[in-house]
C-alpha atoms as a PDB file:
ATOM      1  CA  UNK A   1     245.917  76.204  94.108  1.00  0.00           C
ATOM      2  CA  UNK A   2     249.050  74.282  94.935  1.00  0.00           C
ATOM      3  CA  UNK A   3     249.821  73.446  98.602  1.00  0.00           C
ATOM      4  CA  UNK A   4     252.960  75.635  98.352  1.00  0.00           C
ATOM      5  CA  UNK A   5     251.064  78.676  97.174  1.00  0.00           C
ATOM      6  CA  UNK A   6     248.357  78.168  99.810  1.00  0.00           C
ATOM      7  CA  UNK A   7     251.156  78.009 102.497  1.00  0.00           C
ATOM      8  CA  UNK A   8     252.745  81.138 101.202  1.00  0.00           C
ATOM      9  CA  UNK A   9     249.422  83.049 101.135  1.00  0.00           C
ATOM     10  CA  UNK A  10     248.542  81.872 104.601  1.00  0.00           C
ATOM     11  CA  UNK A  11     252.006  82.957 105.819  1.00  0.00           C
ATOM     12  CA  UNK A  12     251.574  86.365 104.327  1.00  0.00           C
ATOM     13  CA  UNK A  13     248.116  86.643 105.922  1.00  0.00           C
ATOM     14  CA  UNK A  14     249.601  85.724 109.371  1.00  0.00           C
ATOM     15  CA  UNK A  15     252.454  88.181 108.974  1.00  0.00           C
ATOM     16  CA  UNK A  16     249.945  90.869 108.068  1.00  0.00           C
ATOM     17  CA  UNK A  17     247.952  90.159 111.308  1.00  0.00           C
ATOM     18  CA  UNK A  18     251.093  90.054 113.465  1.00  0.00           C
ATOM     19  CA  UNK A  19     252.223  93.416 112.059  1.00  0.00           C
ATOM     20  CA  UNK A  20     248.967  95.269 112.270  1.00  0.00           C
ATOM     21  CA  UNK A  21     247.912  94.020 115.724  1.00  0.00           C
ATOM     22  CA  UNK A  22     250.766  96.126 117.272  1.00  0.00           C
ATOM     23  CA  UNK A  23     249.605  99.627 116.307  1.00  0.00           C
ATOM     24  CA  UNK A  24     245.925  98.834 116.932  1.00  0.00           C
ATOM     25  CA  UNK A  25     246.748  97.451 120.441  1.00  0.00           C
ATOM     26  CA  UNK A  26     248.902 100.541 121.163  1.00  0.00           C
ATOM     27  CA  UNK A  27     246.001 102.775 120.215  1.00  0.00           C
ATOM     28  CA  UNK A  28     243.615 100.811 122.499  1.00  0.00           C
ATOM     29  CA  UNK A  29     246.081 100.921 125.387  1.00  0.00           C
ATOM     30  CA  UNK A  30     246.743 104.651 124.977  1.00  0.00           C
ATOM     31  CA  UNK A  31     243.000 105.262 124.884  1.00  0.00           C
ATOM     32  CA  UNK A  32     242.702 103.343 128.199  1.00  0.00           C
ATOM     33  CA  UNK A  33     245.609 105.354 129.659  1.00  0.00           C
ATOM     34  CA  UNK A  34     243.815 108.558 128.900  1.00  0.00           C
ATOM     35  CA  UNK A  35     240.524 107.405 130.355  1.00  0.00           C
ATOM     36  CA  UNK A  36     238.616 106.760 127.066  1.00  0.00           C
ATOM     37  CA  UNK A  37     235.771 104.439 127.841  1.00  0.00           C
ATOM     38  CA  UNK A  38     235.716 100.838 126.780  1.00  0.00           C
ATOM     39  CA  UNK A  39     232.727 101.534 124.664  1.00  0.00           C
ATOM     40  CA  UNK A  40     234.859 103.787 122.578  1.00  0.00           C
ATOM     41  CA  UNK A  41     237.792 101.390 122.503  1.00  0.00           C
ATOM     42  CA  UNK A  42     235.624  98.567 121.090  1.00  0.00           C
ATOM     43  CA  UNK A  43     235.255 100.024 117.618  1.00  0.00           C
ATOM     44  CA  UNK A  44     239.134 100.171 117.300  1.00  0.00           C
ATOM     45  CA  UNK A  45     239.388  96.395 118.121  1.00  0.00           C
ATOM     46  CA  UNK A  46     236.400  95.640 115.790  1.00  0.00           C
ATOM     47  CA  UNK A  47     238.195  97.539 112.975  1.00  0.00           C
ATOM     48  CA  UNK A  48     241.324  95.399 113.355  1.00  0.00           C
ATOM     49  CA  UNK A  49     239.164  92.175 113.316  1.00  0.00           C
ATOM     50  CA  UNK A  50     237.392  93.313 110.325  1.00  0.00           C
ATOM     51  CA  UNK A  51     240.639  94.051 108.550  1.00  0.00           C
ATOM     52  CA  UNK A  52     241.832  90.525 109.391  1.00  0.00           C
ATOM     53  CA  UNK A  53     238.708  89.168 107.767  1.00  0.00           C
ATOM     54  CA  UNK A  54     239.070  91.303 104.672  1.00  0.00           C
ATOM     55  CA  UNK A  55     242.767  90.489 104.403  1.00  0.00           C
ATOM     56  CA  UNK A  56     241.873  86.804 104.468  1.00  0.00           C
ATOM     57  CA  UNK A  57     239.704  87.483 101.326  1.00  0.00           C
ATOM     58  CA  UNK A  58     242.424  89.530  99.500  1.00  0.00           C
ATOM     59  CA  UNK A  59     245.318  87.295 100.368  1.00  0.00           C
ATOM     60  CA  UNK A  60     243.874  83.804 100.833  1.00  0.00           C
ATOM     61  CA  UNK A  61     240.589  83.997  98.891  1.00  0.00           C
ATOM     62  CA  UNK A  62     238.432  83.176 101.913  1.00  0.00           C
ATOM     63  CA  UNK A  63     235.066  84.883 101.446  1.00  0.00           C
ATOM     64  CA  UNK A  64     231.777  84.826 103.442  1.00  0.00           C
ATOM     65  CA  UNK A  65     228.053  85.058 102.845  1.00  0.00           C
ATOM     66  CA  UNK A  66     225.373  85.833 105.383  1.00  0.00           C
ATOM     67  CA  UNK A  67     221.970  84.018 105.767  1.00  0.00           C
ATOM     68  CA  UNK A  68     219.098  85.013 108.016  1.00  0.00           C
ATOM     69  CA  UNK A  69     220.102  88.569 108.617  1.00  0.00           C
ATOM     70  CA  UNK A  70     216.337  89.313 108.941  1.00  0.00           C
ATOM     71  CA  UNK A  71     216.532  87.716 112.389  1.00  0.00           C
ATOM     72  CA  UNK A  72     218.829  90.390 113.696  1.00  0.00           C
ATOM     73  CA  UNK A  73     216.630  93.459 113.116  1.00  0.00           C
ATOM     74  CA  UNK A  74     214.072  92.645 115.895  1.00  0.00           C
ATOM     75  CA  UNK A  75     216.899  92.083 118.446  1.00  0.00           C
ATOM     76  CA  UNK A  76     218.620  95.468 118.344  1.00  0.00           C
ATOM     77  CA  UNK A  77     216.955  96.629 121.556  1.00  0.00           C
ATOM     78  CA  UNK A  78     216.768  93.474 123.564  1.00  0.00           C
ATOM     79  CA  UNK A  79     219.463  91.462 125.444  1.00  0.00           C
ATOM     80  CA  UNK A  80     220.809  88.628 123.321  1.00  0.00           C
ATOM     81  CA  UNK A  81     223.092  85.654 124.039  1.00  0.00           C
ATOM     82  CA  UNK A  82     224.696  84.615 120.764  1.00  0.00           C
ATOM     83  CA  UNK A  83     225.588  80.870 120.603  1.00  0.00           C
ATOM     84  CA  UNK A  84     227.860  80.048 117.701  1.00  0.00           C
ATOM     85  CA  UNK A  85     229.190  76.905 116.053  1.00  0.00           C
ATOM     86  CA  UNK A  86     232.963  76.977 116.573  1.00  0.00           C
ATOM     87  CA  UNK A  87     235.150  75.522 113.797  1.00  0.00           C
ATOM     88  CA  UNK A  88     237.943  78.020 113.450  1.00  0.00           C
ATOM     89  CA  UNK A  89     239.436  81.342 114.437  1.00  0.00           C
ATOM     90  CA  UNK A  90     237.714  82.792 111.417  1.00  0.00           C
ATOM     91  CA  UNK A  91     234.199  83.317 113.099  1.00  0.00           C
ATOM     92  CA  UNK A  92     235.897  84.764 116.253  1.00  0.00           C
ATOM     93  CA  UNK A  93     237.242  87.552 114.068  1.00  0.00           C
ATOM     94  CA  UNK A  94     234.119  87.804 111.864  1.00  0.00           C
ATOM     95  CA  UNK A  95     231.290  88.119 114.331  1.00  0.00           C
ATOM     96  CA  UNK A  96     231.987  91.663 115.659  1.00  0.00           C
ATOM     97  CA  UNK A  97     231.879  93.055 112.154  1.00  0.00           C
ATOM     98  CA  UNK A  98     228.491  91.523 111.239  1.00  0.00           C
ATOM     99  CA  UNK A  99     226.459  91.906 114.469  1.00  0.00           C
ATOM    100  CA  UNK A 100     224.607  95.132 115.155  1.00  0.00           C
ATOM    101  CA  UNK A 101     225.639  95.372 118.798  1.00  0.00           C
ATOM    102  CA  UNK A 102     228.987  95.252 120.673  1.00  0.00           C
ATOM    103  CA  UNK A 103     229.921  91.702 121.479  1.00  0.00           C
ATOM    104  CA  UNK A 104     231.305  90.582 124.824  1.00  0.00           C
ATOM    105  CA  UNK A 105     233.159  87.282 124.442  1.00  0.00           C
ATOM    106  CA  UNK A 106     233.432  84.643 127.148  1.00  0.00           C
ATOM    107  CA  UNK A 107     236.903  83.194 126.903  1.00  0.00           C
ATOM    108  CA  UNK A 108     239.596  81.442 128.943  1.00  0.00           C
ATOM    109  CA  UNK A 109     241.864  83.799 130.876  1.00  0.00           C
ATOM    110  CA  UNK A 110     244.965  82.240 129.231  1.00  0.00           C
ATOM    111  CA  UNK A 111     244.294  84.305 126.112  1.00  0.00           C
ATOM    112  CA  UNK A 112     245.191  87.387 128.146  1.00  0.00           C
ATOM    113  CA  UNK A 113     248.798  86.323 128.077  1.00  0.00           C
ATOM    114  CA  UNK A 114     249.070  86.633 124.291  1.00  0.00           C
ATOM    115  CA  UNK A 115     251.152  89.692 123.543  1.00  0.00           C
ATOM    116  CA  UNK A 116     249.202  92.556 122.047  1.00  0.00           C
ATOM    117  CA  UNK A 117     246.124  90.520 121.136  1.00  0.00           C
ATOM    118  CA  UNK A 118     245.555  89.437 124.723  1.00  0.00           C
ATOM    119  CA  UNK A 119     246.385  92.950 126.036  1.00  0.00           C
ATOM    120  CA  UNK A 120     243.689  94.399 123.795  1.00  0.00           C
ATOM    121  CA  UNK A 121     240.854  92.005 124.718  1.00  0.00           C
ATOM    122  CA  UNK A 122     241.894  92.398 128.390  1.00  0.00           C
ATOM    123  CA  UNK A 123     241.049  96.130 128.205  1.00  0.00           C
ATOM    124  CA  UNK A 124     237.600  95.719 126.715  1.00  0.00           C
ATOM    125  CA  UNK A 125     234.265  94.612 128.165  1.00  0.00           C
ATOM    126  CA  UNK A 126     234.779  90.876 127.993  1.00  0.00           C
ATOM    127  CA  UNK A 127     234.321  87.903 130.314  1.00  0.00           C
ATOM    128  CA  UNK A 128     237.495  85.970 130.947  1.00  0.00           C
ATOM    129  CA  UNK A 129     237.233  82.941 133.187  1.00  0.00           C
ATOM    130  CA  UNK A 130     239.329  80.297 134.830  1.00  0.00           C
ATOM    131  CA  UNK A 131     238.319  76.940 133.400  1.00  0.00           C
ATOM    132  CA  UNK A 132     240.229  75.165 136.247  1.00  0.00           C
ATOM    133  CA  UNK A 133     237.453  76.332 138.676  1.00  0.00           C
ATOM    134  CA  UNK A 134     234.236  75.580 137.047  1.00  0.00           C
ATOM    135  CA  UNK A 135     231.999  76.791 139.874  1.00  0.00           C
ATOM    136  CA  UNK A 136     233.739  80.160 139.995  1.00  0.00           C
ATOM    137  CA  UNK A 137     233.834  80.439 136.208  1.00  0.00           C
ATOM    138  CA  UNK A 138     230.111  79.735 135.905  1.00  0.00           C
ATOM    139  CA  UNK A 139     229.362  82.344 138.641  1.00  0.00           C
ATOM    140  CA  UNK A 140     231.392  84.919 136.736  1.00  0.00           C
ATOM    141  CA  UNK A 141     229.687  84.200 133.455  1.00  0.00           C
ATOM    142  CA  UNK A 142     226.258  84.823 135.075  1.00  0.00           C
ATOM    143  CA  UNK A 143     227.223  87.917 137.047  1.00  0.00           C
ATOM    144  CA  UNK A 144     229.398  89.588 134.506  1.00  0.00           C
ATOM    145  CA  UNK A 145     227.166  88.467 131.612  1.00  0.00           C
ATOM    146  CA  UNK A 146     224.119  90.002 133.133  1.00  0.00           C
ATOM    147  CA  UNK A 147     226.039  93.221 133.836  1.00  0.00           C
ATOM    148  CA  UNK A 148     227.146  93.512 130.142  1.00  0.00           C
ATOM    149  CA  UNK A 149     223.751  92.557 128.728  1.00  0.00           C
ATOM    150  CA  UNK A 150     222.277  95.311 130.846  1.00  0.00           C
ATOM    151  CA  UNK A 151     224.806  97.746 129.340  1.00  0.00           C
ATOM    152  CA  UNK A 152     223.498  96.857 125.792  1.00  0.00           C
ATOM    153  CA  UNK A 153     226.190  94.327 124.841  1.00  0.00           C
ATOM    154  CA  UNK A 154     225.520  91.029 123.321  1.00  0.00           C
ATOM    155  CA  UNK A 155     227.289  88.138 125.008  1.00  0.00           C
ATOM    156  CA  UNK A 156     228.751  85.575 122.612  1.00  0.00           C
ATOM    157  CA  UNK A 157     229.672  82.073 123.539  1.00  0.00           C
ATOM    158  CA  UNK A 158     230.819  78.941 121.716  1.00  0.00           C
ATOM    159  CA  UNK A 159     228.716  76.223 123.465  1.00  0.00           C
ATOM    160  CA  UNK A 160     231.041  73.414 122.384  1.00  0.00           C
ATOM    161  CA  UNK A 161     233.794  75.126 124.295  1.00  0.00           C
ATOM    162  CA  UNK A 162     236.498  74.688 121.632  1.00  0.00           C
ATOM    163  CA  UNK A 163     237.000  74.430 117.929  1.00  0.00           C
ATOM    164  CA  UNK A 164     235.397  71.284 116.450  1.00  0.00           C
ATOM    165  CA  UNK A 165     236.578  69.538 113.318  1.00  0.00           C
ATOM    166  CA  UNK A 166     234.455  69.781 110.095  1.00  0.00           C
ATOM    167  CA  UNK A 167     231.419  67.547 110.260  1.00  0.00           C
ATOM    168  CA  UNK A 168     231.868  66.698 113.971  1.00  0.00           C
ATOM    169  CA  UNK A 169     229.560  67.563 116.824  1.00  0.00           C
ATOM    170  CA  UNK A 170     231.013  68.763 120.159  1.00  0.00           C
ATOM    171  CA  UNK A 171     229.523  68.563 123.636  1.00  0.00           C
ATOM    172  CA  UNK A 172     227.148  71.420 123.889  1.00  0.00           C
ATOM    173  CA  UNK A 173     227.258  72.814 127.393  1.00  0.00           C
ATOM    174  CA  UNK A 174     224.304  74.760 128.892  1.00  0.00           C
ATOM    175  CA  UNK A 175     226.225  77.713 130.239  1.00  0.00           C
ATOM    176  CA  UNK A 176     224.957  80.102 127.553  1.00  0.00           C
ATOM    177  CA  UNK A 177     221.353  79.140 127.954  1.00  0.00           C
ATOM    178  CA  UNK A 178     221.675  79.410 131.710  1.00  0.00           C
ATOM    179  CA  UNK A 179     222.976  82.960 131.282  1.00  0.00           C
ATOM    180  CA  UNK A 180     220.083  83.803 128.917  1.00  0.00           C
ATOM    181  CA  UNK A 181     217.476  82.441 131.434  1.00  0.00           C
ATOM    182  CA  UNK A 182     219.088  84.292 134.314  1.00  0.00           C
ATOM    183  CA  UNK A 183     219.248  87.635 132.393  1.00  0.00           C
ATOM    184  CA  UNK A 184     215.915  87.272 130.655  1.00  0.00           C
ATOM    185  CA  UNK A 185     217.766  87.397 127.307  1.00  0.00           C
ATOM    186  CA  UNK A 186     216.897  85.848 123.969  1.00  0.00           C
ATOM    187  CA  UNK A 187     219.191  83.175 122.455  1.00  0.00           C
ATOM    188  CA  UNK A 188     220.519  83.595 118.923  1.00  0.00           C
ATOM    189  CA  UNK A 189     221.851  80.314 117.384  1.00  0.00           C
ATOM    190  CA  UNK A 190     224.465  80.767 114.610  1.00  0.00           C
ATOM    191  CA  UNK A 191     225.785  78.127 112.225  1.00  0.00           C
ATOM    192  CA  UNK A 192     229.192  78.713 110.574  1.00  0.00           C
ATOM    193  CA  UNK A 193     230.914  76.616 107.916  1.00  0.00           C
ATOM    194  CA  UNK A 194     234.426  78.134 108.457  1.00  0.00           C
ATOM    195  CA  UNK A 195     236.279  74.741 108.582  1.00  0.00           C
ATOM    196  CA  UNK A 196     235.691  74.445 104.872  1.00  0.00           C
ATOM    197  CA  UNK A 197     238.496  77.077 104.381  1.00  0.00           C
ATOM    198  CA  UNK A 198     240.261  77.269 107.729  1.00  0.00           C
ATOM    199  CA  UNK A 199     240.203  73.844 109.413  1.00  0.00           C
ATOM    200  CA  UNK A 200     240.846  73.228 113.092  1.00  0.00           C
ATOM    201  CA  UNK A 201     244.559  73.303 113.991  1.00  0.00           C
ATOM    202  CA  UNK A 202     245.495  74.179 110.430  1.00  0.00           C
ATOM    203  CA  UNK A 203     247.803  77.054 109.645  1.00  0.00           C
ATOM    204  CA  UNK A 204     246.936  76.898 105.932  1.00  0.00           C
ATOM    205  CA  UNK A 205     243.797  78.481 104.576  1.00  0.00           C
ATOM    206  CA  UNK A 206     242.270  77.520 101.277  1.00  0.00           C
ATOM    207  CA  UNK A 207     240.067  79.763  99.020  1.00  0.00           C
ATOM    208  CA  UNK A 208     236.379  79.218  99.351  1.00  0.00           C
ATOM    209  CA  UNK A 209     233.069  80.535 100.781  1.00  0.00           C
ATOM    210  CA  UNK A 210     232.222  80.444 104.359  1.00  0.00           C
ATOM    211  CA  UNK A 211     228.453  80.576 105.169  1.00  0.00           C
ATOM    212  CA  UNK A 212     227.201  82.214 108.354  1.00  0.00           C
ATOM    213  CA  UNK A 213     223.534  81.462 109.106  1.00  0.00           C
ATOM    214  CA  UNK A 214     221.610  83.296 111.787  1.00  0.00           C
ATOM    215  CA  UNK A 215     218.661  81.334 113.117  1.00  0.00           C
ATOM    216  CA  UNK A 216     215.462  82.663 114.570  1.00  0.00           C
ATOM    217  CA  UNK A 217     216.062  83.915 118.146  1.00  0.00           C
ATOM    218  CA  UNK A 218     214.617  81.875 120.960  1.00  0.00           C
ATOM    219  CA  UNK A 219     212.817  83.162 124.048  1.00  0.00           C
ATOM    220  CA  UNK A 220     214.432  81.971 127.206  1.00  0.00           C
ATOM    221  CA  UNK A 221     211.458  82.600 129.479  1.00  0.00           C
ATOM    222  CA  UNK A 222     210.149  79.658 131.465  1.00  0.00           C
ATOM    223  CA  UNK A 223     212.708  77.377 129.906  1.00  0.00           C
ATOM    224  CA  UNK A 224     215.116  74.769 131.449  1.00  0.00           C
ATOM    225  CA  UNK A 225     218.723  75.348 130.425  1.00  0.00           C
ATOM    226  CA  UNK A 226     219.566  71.831 129.142  1.00  0.00           C
ATOM    227  CA  UNK A 227     216.412  71.643 127.155  1.00  0.00           C
ATOM    228  CA  UNK A 228     216.954  75.091 125.677  1.00  0.00           C
ATOM    229  CA  UNK A 229     220.512  74.153 124.731  1.00  0.00           C
ATOM    230  CA  UNK A 230     219.275  70.973 123.091  1.00  0.00           C
ATOM    231  CA  UNK A 231     216.967  73.083 120.920  1.00  0.00           C
ATOM    232  CA  UNK A 232     219.958  75.355 120.055  1.00  0.00           C
ATOM    233  CA  UNK A 233     222.145  72.312 119.221  1.00  0.00           C
ATOM    234  CA  UNK A 234     219.428  70.790 117.033  1.00  0.00           C
ATOM    235  CA  UNK A 235     219.003  73.982 115.068  1.00  0.00           C
ATOM    236  CA  UNK A 236     222.744  74.595 114.644  1.00  0.00           C
ATOM    237  CA  UNK A 237     223.720  71.006 113.674  1.00  0.00           C
ATOM    238  CA  UNK A 238     220.701  70.711 111.384  1.00  0.00           C
ATOM    239  CA  UNK A 239     221.680  73.977 109.716  1.00  0.00           C
ATOM    240  CA  UNK A 240     225.351  72.901 109.425  1.00  0.00           C
ATOM    241  CA  UNK A 241     224.214  69.902 107.366  1.00  0.00           C
ATOM    242  CA  UNK A 242     222.268  72.232 105.149  1.00  0.00           C
ATOM    243  CA  UNK A 243     225.076  74.827 104.540  1.00  0.00           C
ATOM    244  CA  UNK A 244     227.935  72.336 104.457  1.00  0.00           C
ATOM    245  CA  UNK A 245     226.449  68.989 103.236  1.00  0.00           C
ATOM    246  CA  UNK A 246     229.805  67.729 101.861  1.00  0.00           C
ATOM    247  CA  UNK A 247     231.470  68.148 105.221  1.00  0.00           C
ATOM    248  CA  UNK A 248     228.958  65.951 106.945  1.00  0.00           C
ATOM    249  CA  UNK A 249     228.192  63.519 104.160  1.00  0.00           C
ATOM    250  CA  UNK A 250     231.784  62.296 104.178  1.00  0.00           C
ATOM    251  CA  UNK A 251     231.585  61.058 107.828  1.00  0.00           C
ATOM    252  CA  UNK A 252     228.591  58.758 107.369  1.00  0.00           C
ATOM    253  CA  UNK A 253     225.381  58.478 109.268  1.00  0.00           C
ATOM    254  CA  UNK A 254     226.811  57.944 112.710  1.00  0.00           C
ATOM    255  CA  UNK A 255     227.091  61.720 113.161  1.00  0.00           C
ATOM    256  CA  UNK A 256     223.370  62.459 113.490  1.00  0.00           C
ATOM    257  CA  UNK A 257     221.905  65.580 115.073  1.00  0.00           C
ATOM    258  CA  UNK A 258     221.515  64.957 118.816  1.00  0.00           C
END
């Protein structure tokens, strides 16, 4: 595919998302206005996100495959903290459509200012934090996270904190494992090779296959948060090398699993 064609297709996909987010957001806000519960608003948001993923396949040729789905079945009735490798916006949109429980994202409060998209997520069961105040942010993750886990949501976090370039390893912070320990939840590590098709800070998407791999869940009981996060990191980064060997091979041996 030529660079020009990829740019045109990516522009069309972005236009499609910008146009469709408006009616979906209006529906969510009207539901909130008329007292419809957040639990019933969530499927509307999930439908839009799923349409964004589907349209990326139709317009840009970005497909996905799932590995390790057998690890999800035993978790349907237990609290779970989902810790995901973060390479692109793609997995943010994809995860609600492939997980069996409603997801509560932990995200920076600045996203609430984005017209329509921010208004939608602000009206749902999520955890928005102020990163400028780490102590207060962590306390909110624990208190609000425990509340949402008790309601039957899964809390999803990106332990590296931001999108990481293909083949790179970010700083895995133990906030997610601390929440899991505090709430008595299991930890579900997820590896995602999305940068293969939608790189960090890139507007242009290229056709290809994104692999999403669910790992075995980990019991958080009697664990220390840093040590548990190290186990999560070792599994995710090891799995990333398996599902996207080209992305890591090109960077050489200095990027070993921590």
